[in-house]
Every structure is written in C-alpha cells, then in structure tokens.
Amino acid sequence: MSDIINLQATFIPNEGEFFRVKLALEIAIEQVVEEAGCIQYEITEEAEEKIVLTEQWASAADLAKHGNGIAVQDLNESLSALLAEPVKLVRS
C-alpha cells in the first residue's frame, strides 16, 4: 500500500499579478481534482504577496503522473511571466 503524499506549493506573484496568478491556479484546480489519485488540491492561504496551494495525493505514482500531466504544463506556461520567484514546493 502506498503512503499518502502531502505537499504545499507557495506562489509569489509579481507586483500587481495576484489576481492573474489566482485565476491560473483556479483553472488548474478544476482540471487537477479530476485526476486519478488526487485527494486534495486547493488554495488554502492567499494574500497579495503569496498564494499557498495544498495538495494531497494517494501515491507517489499518482503525484508523478500529475507532475507530467497537461494541467501542470498549462499552469506552468500560464505562470511563466507572473511569478516573482520559482514555486516553492514543500513535502510534509
């Protein structure tokens, strides 16, 4: 049996880009929650200076498949010019 994977991704928007970053995340969330093994994928903290997305996956294999999926590719493309720094991903 696989262990559940818990992650937090922190997004730091460029000045004035908070709402565009949040919109890109909301679009991705709609797609990702339908992926196999997705238990949780939601914004759990937001402020003008950062947005935290909490993820929970049923297995490492599900997370790996998600990481290579179209939703993540689209999100990364959408965010490419909107973030002040790379996404910080912490496994908890």
N, C-alpha and C. Protein backbone atom coordinates (compact mmCIF):
# COMPACT_ATOMS: atom_id res chain seq x y z
N MET A 1 0.83 -1.19 0.00
CA MET A 1 0.00 0.00 0.00
C MET A 1 0.87 1.25 0.00
N SER A 2 0.49 2.23 -0.77
CA SER A 2 1.26 3.46 -0.90
C SER A 2 0.93 4.43 0.22
N ASP A 3 1.91 5.24 0.56
CA ASP A 3 1.69 6.29 1.55
C ASP A 3 1.13 7.52 0.86
N ILE A 4 0.23 8.21 1.55
CA ILE A 4 -0.33 9.45 1.03
C ILE A 4 0.77 10.52 1.03
N ILE A 5 0.79 11.30 -0.04
CA ILE A 5 1.79 12.36 -0.21
C ILE A 5 1.10 13.71 0.04
N ASN A 6 1.66 14.50 0.95
CA ASN A 6 1.15 15.84 1.27
C ASN A 6 2.17 16.87 0.80
N LEU A 7 1.69 17.87 0.08
CA LEU A 7 2.55 18.93 -0.43
C LEU A 7 1.92 20.29 -0.22
N GLN A 8 2.79 21.30 -0.12
CA GLN A 8 2.33 22.68 -0.16
C GLN A 8 3.18 23.40 -1.19
N ALA A 9 2.52 24.06 -2.12
CA ALA A 9 3.19 24.84 -3.14
C ALA A 9 2.91 26.32 -2.86
N THR A 10 3.97 27.12 -2.76
CA THR A 10 3.82 28.54 -2.49
C THR A 10 4.17 29.33 -3.75
N PHE A 11 3.25 30.19 -4.15
CA PHE A 11 3.41 31.02 -5.34
C PHE A 11 3.54 32.47 -4.90
N ILE A 12 4.60 33.15 -5.36
CA ILE A 12 4.83 34.56 -5.04
C ILE A 12 4.60 35.36 -6.32
N PRO A 13 3.44 36.01 -6.44
CA PRO A 13 3.14 36.77 -7.66
C PRO A 13 4.03 38.02 -7.79
N ASN A 14 4.30 38.38 -9.04
CA ASN A 14 4.91 39.68 -9.30
C ASN A 14 3.94 40.75 -8.80
N GLU A 15 4.45 41.92 -8.50
CA GLU A 15 3.59 43.01 -8.05
C GLU A 15 2.49 43.26 -9.07
N GLY A 16 1.26 43.31 -8.60
CA GLY A 16 0.13 43.58 -9.46
C GLY A 16 -0.42 42.36 -10.20
N GLU A 17 0.16 41.20 -9.99
CA GLU A 17 -0.26 40.00 -10.73
C GLU A 17 -1.02 38.98 -9.87
N PHE A 18 -1.38 39.34 -8.64
CA PHE A 18 -2.05 38.40 -7.74
C PHE A 18 -3.27 37.77 -8.38
N PHE A 19 -4.16 38.57 -8.94
CA PHE A 19 -5.42 38.04 -9.46
C PHE A 19 -5.21 37.15 -10.69
N ARG A 20 -4.22 37.46 -11.51
CA ARG A 20 -3.92 36.60 -12.67
C ARG A 20 -3.35 35.26 -12.22
N VAL A 21 -2.49 35.28 -11.19
CA VAL A 21 -1.95 34.03 -10.65
C VAL A 21 -3.07 33.20 -10.05
N LYS A 22 -3.93 33.84 -9.27
CA LYS A 22 -5.03 33.11 -8.65
C LYS A 22 -5.96 32.51 -9.70
N LEU A 23 -6.26 33.25 -10.74
CA LEU A 23 -7.12 32.74 -11.81
C LEU A 23 -6.48 31.53 -12.49
N ALA A 24 -5.19 31.60 -12.78
CA ALA A 24 -4.49 30.47 -13.40
C ALA A 24 -4.57 29.24 -12.50
N LEU A 25 -4.40 29.43 -11.20
CA LEU A 25 -4.49 28.32 -10.25
C LEU A 25 -5.91 27.76 -10.20
N GLU A 26 -6.91 28.63 -10.20
CA GLU A 26 -8.29 28.15 -10.15
C GLU A 26 -8.64 27.32 -11.38
N ILE A 27 -8.15 27.71 -12.54
CA ILE A 27 -8.37 26.92 -13.76
C ILE A 27 -7.71 25.56 -13.63
N ALA A 28 -6.48 25.53 -13.13
CA ALA A 28 -5.76 24.27 -12.96
C ALA A 28 -6.47 23.38 -11.94
N ILE A 29 -6.95 23.96 -10.87
CA ILE A 29 -7.62 23.19 -9.82
C ILE A 29 -8.81 22.43 -10.40
N GLU A 30 -9.58 23.09 -11.24
CA GLU A 30 -10.74 22.44 -11.85
C GLU A 30 -10.36 21.17 -12.60
N GLN A 31 -9.20 21.19 -13.25
CA GLN A 31 -8.72 20.04 -14.01
C GLN A 31 -8.11 18.98 -13.09
N VAL A 32 -7.27 19.43 -12.18
CA VAL A 32 -6.48 18.50 -11.36
C VAL A 32 -7.35 17.68 -10.42
N VAL A 33 -8.41 18.26 -9.86
CA VAL A 33 -9.23 17.50 -8.91
C VAL A 33 -9.86 16.28 -9.56
N GLU A 34 -9.89 16.23 -10.89
CA GLU A 34 -10.43 15.08 -11.61
C GLU A 34 -9.37 14.00 -11.87
N GLU A 35 -8.11 14.30 -11.59
CA GLU A 35 -7.03 13.34 -11.86
C GLU A 35 -7.07 12.17 -10.88
N ALA A 36 -6.68 11.01 -11.37
CA ALA A 36 -6.61 9.82 -10.52
C ALA A 36 -5.64 10.06 -9.37
N GLY A 37 -6.06 9.72 -8.17
CA GLY A 37 -5.21 9.82 -7.00
C GLY A 37 -5.20 11.17 -6.31
N CYS A 38 -5.90 12.16 -6.87
CA CYS A 38 -5.96 13.47 -6.24
C CYS A 38 -6.96 13.44 -5.10
N ILE A 39 -6.47 13.66 -3.89
CA ILE A 39 -7.33 13.70 -2.71
C ILE A 39 -7.68 15.15 -2.37
N GLN A 40 -6.69 16.04 -2.49
CA GLN A 40 -6.89 17.46 -2.21
C GLN A 40 -6.00 18.27 -3.13
N TYR A 41 -6.54 19.34 -3.66
CA TYR A 41 -5.78 20.27 -4.49
C TYR A 41 -6.53 21.59 -4.42
N GLU A 42 -6.15 22.43 -3.45
CA GLU A 42 -6.92 23.66 -3.23
C GLU A 42 -6.05 24.76 -2.64
N ILE A 43 -6.48 25.98 -2.89
CA ILE A 43 -5.82 27.14 -2.29
C ILE A 43 -6.23 27.18 -0.83
N THR A 44 -5.25 27.18 0.06
CA THR A 44 -5.53 27.18 1.50
C THR A 44 -5.08 28.46 2.19
N GLU A 45 -4.34 29.30 1.47
CA GLU A 45 -3.90 30.58 2.04
C GLU A 45 -3.67 31.53 0.88
N GLU A 46 -4.15 32.74 1.03
CA GLU A 46 -3.91 33.71 -0.03
C GLU A 46 -3.81 35.12 0.55
N ALA A 47 -2.89 35.86 -0.01
CA ALA A 47 -2.69 37.27 0.30
C ALA A 47 -2.01 37.86 -0.92
N GLU A 48 -1.99 39.17 -1.03
CA GLU A 48 -1.39 39.80 -2.21
C GLU A 48 0.04 39.32 -2.46
N GLU A 49 0.76 38.97 -1.38
CA GLU A 49 2.17 38.61 -1.55
C GLU A 49 2.42 37.12 -1.75
N LYS A 50 1.41 36.27 -1.50
CA LYS A 50 1.62 34.84 -1.74
C LYS A 50 0.30 34.08 -1.77
N ILE A 51 0.36 32.95 -2.48
CA ILE A 51 -0.77 32.02 -2.53
C ILE A 51 -0.20 30.64 -2.22
N VAL A 52 -0.87 29.95 -1.30
CA VAL A 52 -0.44 28.60 -0.94
C VAL A 52 -1.48 27.60 -1.45
N LEU A 53 -1.00 26.61 -2.18
CA LEU A 53 -1.83 25.54 -2.70
C LEU A 53 -1.47 24.27 -1.94
N THR A 54 -2.46 23.65 -1.31
CA THR A 54 -2.23 22.41 -0.57
C THR A 54 -2.67 21.24 -1.45
N GLU A 55 -1.78 20.26 -1.54
CA GLU A 55 -2.04 19.08 -2.37
C GLU A 55 -1.96 17.83 -1.51
N GLN A 56 -2.76 16.85 -1.85
CA GLN A 56 -2.66 15.54 -1.21
C GLN A 56 -2.91 14.50 -2.30
N TRP A 57 -2.01 13.55 -2.40
CA TRP A 57 -2.04 12.52 -3.43
C TRP A 57 -2.04 11.14 -2.81
N ALA A 58 -2.76 10.22 -3.42
CA ALA A 58 -2.89 8.86 -2.89
C ALA A 58 -1.58 8.09 -2.95
N SER A 59 -0.69 8.43 -3.89
CA SER A 59 0.57 7.71 -4.01
C SER A 59 1.60 8.55 -4.74
N ALA A 60 2.85 8.15 -4.63
CA ALA A 60 3.93 8.82 -5.36
C ALA A 60 3.72 8.67 -6.87
N ALA A 61 3.19 7.53 -7.30
CA ALA A 61 2.93 7.31 -8.72
C ALA A 61 1.89 8.29 -9.24
N ASP A 62 0.83 8.52 -8.45
CA ASP A 62 -0.20 9.49 -8.85
C ASP A 62 0.39 10.90 -8.93
N LEU A 63 1.22 11.26 -7.98
CA LEU A 63 1.87 12.57 -7.98
C LEU A 63 2.77 12.72 -9.20
N ALA A 64 3.54 11.68 -9.51
CA ALA A 64 4.43 11.74 -10.67
C ALA A 64 3.64 11.91 -11.96
N LYS A 65 2.55 11.19 -12.08
CA LYS A 65 1.70 11.32 -13.27
C LYS A 65 1.14 12.74 -13.37
N HIS A 66 0.71 13.29 -12.24
CA HIS A 66 0.21 14.66 -12.19
C HIS A 66 1.30 15.63 -12.65
N GLY A 67 2.50 15.45 -12.14
CA GLY A 67 3.61 16.35 -12.46
C GLY A 67 3.95 16.39 -13.94
N ASN A 68 3.66 15.32 -14.64
CA ASN A 68 3.93 15.25 -16.07
C ASN A 68 2.69 15.51 -16.92
N GLY A 69 1.58 15.83 -16.26
CA GLY A 69 0.31 15.99 -16.96
C GLY A 69 0.12 17.34 -17.62
N ILE A 70 -0.90 17.40 -18.45
CA ILE A 70 -1.19 18.61 -19.22
C ILE A 70 -1.61 19.78 -18.33
N ALA A 71 -2.32 19.50 -17.23
CA ALA A 71 -2.76 20.60 -16.35
C ALA A 71 -1.56 21.34 -15.77
N VAL A 72 -0.53 20.61 -15.36
CA VAL A 72 0.67 21.23 -14.80
C VAL A 72 1.43 21.97 -15.90
N GLN A 73 1.52 21.39 -17.07
CA GLN A 73 2.20 22.06 -18.19
C GLN A 73 1.50 23.38 -18.52
N ASP A 74 0.17 23.34 -18.60
CA ASP A 74 -0.59 24.56 -18.89
C ASP A 74 -0.42 25.60 -17.79
N LEU A 75 -0.45 25.15 -16.54
CA LEU A 75 -0.29 26.07 -15.41
C LEU A 75 1.09 26.72 -15.45
N ASN A 76 2.13 25.92 -15.65
CA ASN A 76 3.49 26.47 -15.71
C ASN A 76 3.62 27.51 -16.82
N GLU A 77 3.00 27.23 -17.96
CA GLU A 77 3.04 28.19 -19.06
C GLU A 77 2.29 29.47 -18.70
N SER A 78 1.14 29.33 -18.07
CA SER A 78 0.34 30.49 -17.67
C SER A 78 1.08 31.36 -16.65
N LEU A 79 1.84 30.73 -15.77
CA LEU A 79 2.51 31.45 -14.69
C LEU A 79 3.91 31.94 -15.05
N SER A 80 4.42 31.58 -16.19
CA SER A 80 5.83 31.82 -16.52
C SER A 80 6.27 33.27 -16.34
N ALA A 81 5.42 34.24 -16.65
CA ALA A 81 5.79 35.64 -16.52
C ALA A 81 5.11 36.34 -15.35
N LEU A 82 4.39 35.58 -14.53
CA LEU A 82 3.61 36.20 -13.46
C LEU A 82 4.20 36.06 -12.07
N LEU A 83 5.22 35.22 -11.92
CA LEU A 83 5.77 34.94 -10.59
C LEU A 83 7.09 35.66 -10.35
N ALA A 84 7.26 36.13 -9.11
CA ALA A 84 8.47 36.83 -8.72
C ALA A 84 9.63 35.88 -8.46
N GLU A 85 9.30 34.62 -8.17
CA GLU A 85 10.33 33.62 -7.90
C GLU A 85 9.75 32.24 -8.23
N PRO A 86 10.63 31.23 -8.36
CA PRO A 86 10.12 29.88 -8.64
C PRO A 86 9.19 29.40 -7.53
N VAL A 87 8.26 28.53 -7.90
CA VAL A 87 7.33 27.95 -6.95
C VAL A 87 8.13 27.17 -5.90
N LYS A 88 7.78 27.38 -4.64
CA LYS A 88 8.41 26.65 -3.54
C LYS A 88 7.49 25.48 -3.20
N LEU A 89 8.02 24.26 -3.33
CA LEU A 89 7.25 23.06 -3.07
C LEU A 89 7.81 22.35 -1.85
N VAL A 90 6.97 22.15 -0.83
CA VAL A 90 7.40 21.51 0.41
C VAL A 90 6.55 20.28 0.65
N ARG A 91 7.22 19.16 0.86
CA ARG A 91 6.53 17.92 1.17
C ARG A 91 6.42 17.80 2.69
N SER A 92 5.21 17.53 3.16
CA SER A 92 5.03 17.47 4.63
C SER A 92 4.55 16.11 5.06
